Amino acid sequence: MKFNEIPPLKLPSRTLIKKIETMEAKRKGMIVAIDPDSENYFLGKDTIAAVERGRKKLPEAVFYCIRIGYPGVDEHKGGFHKL
């Protein structure tokens, strides 16, 4: 894969996501970086930490991230401001 190519996003199975959330329930709020091809996953305090752990083992992988116990990975707390 060349640097400027964007590979297609593969999603992990719903079964795998449920399995991870069940197994890691005590780690609510942590980020999980999942490699959908190998079904390996890596935990971290934030997205960067989880993906860095994954890159050590799978340097060419494209990771799908979830936050344990939450519907989204990140939260936007900004809002609209008048200029």
C-alpha atoms as a PDB file:
ATOM      1  CA  MET A   1       0.000   0.000   0.000  1.00  0.00           C
ATOM      2  CA  LYS A   2       1.360   3.405  -0.953  1.00  0.00           C
ATOM      3  CA  PHE A   3       1.339   6.286   1.494  1.00  0.00           C
ATOM      4  CA  ASN A   4      -1.330   8.275  -0.350  1.00  0.00           C
ATOM      5  CA  GLU A   5      -3.698   5.342  -0.893  1.00  0.00           C
ATOM      6  CA  ILE A   6      -6.665   5.032   1.436  1.00  0.00           C
ATOM      7  CA  PRO A   7      -7.643   1.387   1.943  1.00  0.00           C
ATOM      8  CA  PRO A   8     -11.322   0.491   2.194  1.00  0.00           C
ATOM      9  CA  LEU A   9     -12.638   0.468   5.754  1.00  0.00           C
ATOM     10  CA  LYS A  10     -13.492  -2.989   7.021  1.00  0.00           C
ATOM     11  CA  LEU A  11     -15.815  -3.298   9.976  1.00  0.00           C
ATOM     12  CA  PRO A  12     -15.414  -5.935  12.667  1.00  0.00           C
ATOM     13  CA  SER A  13     -18.390  -8.216  13.201  1.00  0.00           C
ATOM     14  CA  ARG A  14     -21.042  -7.199  15.718  1.00  0.00           C
ATOM     15  CA  THR A  15     -20.372 -10.495  17.481  1.00  0.00           C
ATOM     16  CA  LEU A  16     -16.707  -9.578  18.003  1.00  0.00           C
ATOM     17  CA  ILE A  17     -17.599  -6.115  19.328  1.00  0.00           C
ATOM     18  CA  LYS A  18     -20.117  -7.590  21.802  1.00  0.00           C
ATOM     19  CA  LYS A  19     -17.557 -10.204  22.874  1.00  0.00           C
ATOM     20  CA  ILE A  20     -14.920  -7.517  23.538  1.00  0.00           C
ATOM     21  CA  GLU A  21     -17.366  -5.321  25.459  1.00  0.00           C
ATOM     22  CA  THR A  22     -18.455  -8.292  27.585  1.00  0.00           C
ATOM     23  CA  MET A  23     -14.918  -9.494  28.299  1.00  0.00           C
ATOM     24  CA  GLU A  24     -13.590  -5.995  29.030  1.00  0.00           C
ATOM     25  CA  ALA A  25     -16.654  -4.583  30.861  1.00  0.00           C
ATOM     26  CA  LYS A  26     -14.546  -3.658  33.897  1.00  0.00           C
ATOM     27  CA  ARG A  27     -12.515  -1.326  31.651  1.00  0.00           C
ATOM     28  CA  LYS A  28     -15.401   0.987  30.743  1.00  0.00           C
ATOM     29  CA  GLY A  29     -14.193   4.134  28.977  1.00  0.00           C
ATOM     30  CA  MET A  30     -11.023   2.633  27.512  1.00  0.00           C
ATOM     31  CA  ILE A  31     -10.426   2.621  23.758  1.00  0.00           C
ATOM     32  CA  VAL A  32     -10.136  -0.615  21.801  1.00  0.00           C
ATOM     33  CA  ALA A  33      -8.349  -0.656  18.420  1.00  0.00           C
ATOM     34  CA  ILE A  34      -9.592  -3.680  16.444  1.00  0.00           C
ATOM     35  CA  ASP A  35      -7.982  -5.199  13.354  1.00  0.00           C
ATOM     36  CA  PRO A  36     -11.019  -6.619  11.507  1.00  0.00           C
ATOM     37  CA  ASP A  37      -8.892  -9.007   9.407  1.00  0.00           C
ATOM     38  CA  SER A  38      -7.158 -10.849  12.246  1.00  0.00           C
ATOM     39  CA  GLU A  39      -9.734  -9.987  14.959  1.00  0.00           C
ATOM     40  CA  ASN A  40      -6.880  -8.937  17.266  1.00  0.00           C
ATOM     41  CA  TYR A  41      -7.617  -6.000  19.529  1.00  0.00           C
ATOM     42  CA  PHE A  42      -5.535  -3.624  21.629  1.00  0.00           C
ATOM     43  CA  LEU A  43      -6.547  -1.539  24.638  1.00  0.00           C
ATOM     44  CA  GLY A  44      -5.413   1.984  25.447  1.00  0.00           C
ATOM     45  CA  LYS A  45      -6.349   5.030  27.518  1.00  0.00           C
ATOM     46  CA  ASP A  46      -6.967   6.937  24.290  1.00  0.00           C
ATOM     47  CA  THR A  47      -7.098   6.262  20.560  1.00  0.00           C
ATOM     48  CA  ILE A  48      -3.419   7.014  19.994  1.00  0.00           C
ATOM     49  CA  ALA A  49      -2.276   4.640  22.757  1.00  0.00           C
ATOM     50  CA  ALA A  50      -4.518   1.804  21.513  1.00  0.00           C
ATOM     51  CA  VAL A  51      -3.431   2.180  17.873  1.00  0.00           C
ATOM     52  CA  GLU A  52       0.263   2.466  18.832  1.00  0.00           C
ATOM     53  CA  ARG A  53      -0.020  -0.860  20.674  1.00  0.00           C
ATOM     54  CA  GLY A  54      -1.627  -2.379  17.605  1.00  0.00           C
ATOM     55  CA  ARG A  55       1.027  -0.965  15.268  1.00  0.00           C
ATOM     56  CA  LYS A  56       3.765  -2.779  17.230  1.00  0.00           C
ATOM     57  CA  LYS A  57       2.212  -6.133  16.342  1.00  0.00           C
ATOM     58  CA  LEU A  58       0.431  -5.294  13.079  1.00  0.00           C
ATOM     59  CA  PRO A  59       2.221  -2.360  11.384  1.00  0.00           C
ATOM     60  CA  GLU A  60       0.176  -2.440   8.158  1.00  0.00           C
ATOM     61  CA  ALA A  61      -3.271  -2.869   9.740  1.00  0.00           C
ATOM     62  CA  VAL A  62      -6.131  -0.389   9.486  1.00  0.00           C
ATOM     63  CA  PHE A  63      -7.796  -0.268  12.902  1.00  0.00           C
ATOM     64  CA  TYR A  64     -11.433   0.237  13.834  1.00  0.00           C
ATOM     65  CA  CYS A  65     -11.780   1.903  17.248  1.00  0.00           C
ATOM     66  CA  ILE A  66     -14.528   1.718  19.857  1.00  0.00           C
ATOM     67  CA  ARG A  67     -14.870   3.052  23.413  1.00  0.00           C
ATOM     68  CA  ILE A  68     -15.963   0.355  25.856  1.00  0.00           C
ATOM     69  CA  GLY A  69     -19.433   1.073  27.250  1.00  0.00           C
ATOM     70  CA  TYR A  70     -20.171   4.063  24.995  1.00  0.00           C
ATOM     71  CA  PRO A  71     -21.772   4.475  21.552  1.00  0.00           C
ATOM     72  CA  GLY A  72     -18.998   6.750  20.233  1.00  0.00           C
ATOM     73  CA  VAL A  73     -15.230   6.942  20.477  1.00  0.00           C
ATOM     74  CA  ASP A  74     -14.859  10.702  20.931  1.00  0.00           C
ATOM     75  CA  GLU A  75     -17.075  13.444  22.250  1.00  0.00           C
ATOM     76  CA  HIS A  76     -17.313  16.982  20.923  1.00  0.00           C
ATOM     77  CA  LYS A  77     -17.949  19.477  23.689  1.00  0.00           C
ATOM     78  CA  GLY A  78     -17.660  22.627  21.613  1.00  0.00           C
ATOM     79  CA  GLY A  79     -20.827  24.012  20.176  1.00  0.00           C
ATOM     80  CA  PHE A  80     -21.433  27.084  18.073  1.00  0.00           C
ATOM     81  CA  HIS A  81     -19.950  30.442  18.932  1.00  0.00           C
ATOM     82  CA  LYS A  82     -20.668  33.846  17.436  1.00  0.00           C
ATOM     83  CA  LEU A  83     -17.686  35.379  15.666  1.00  0.00           C
END
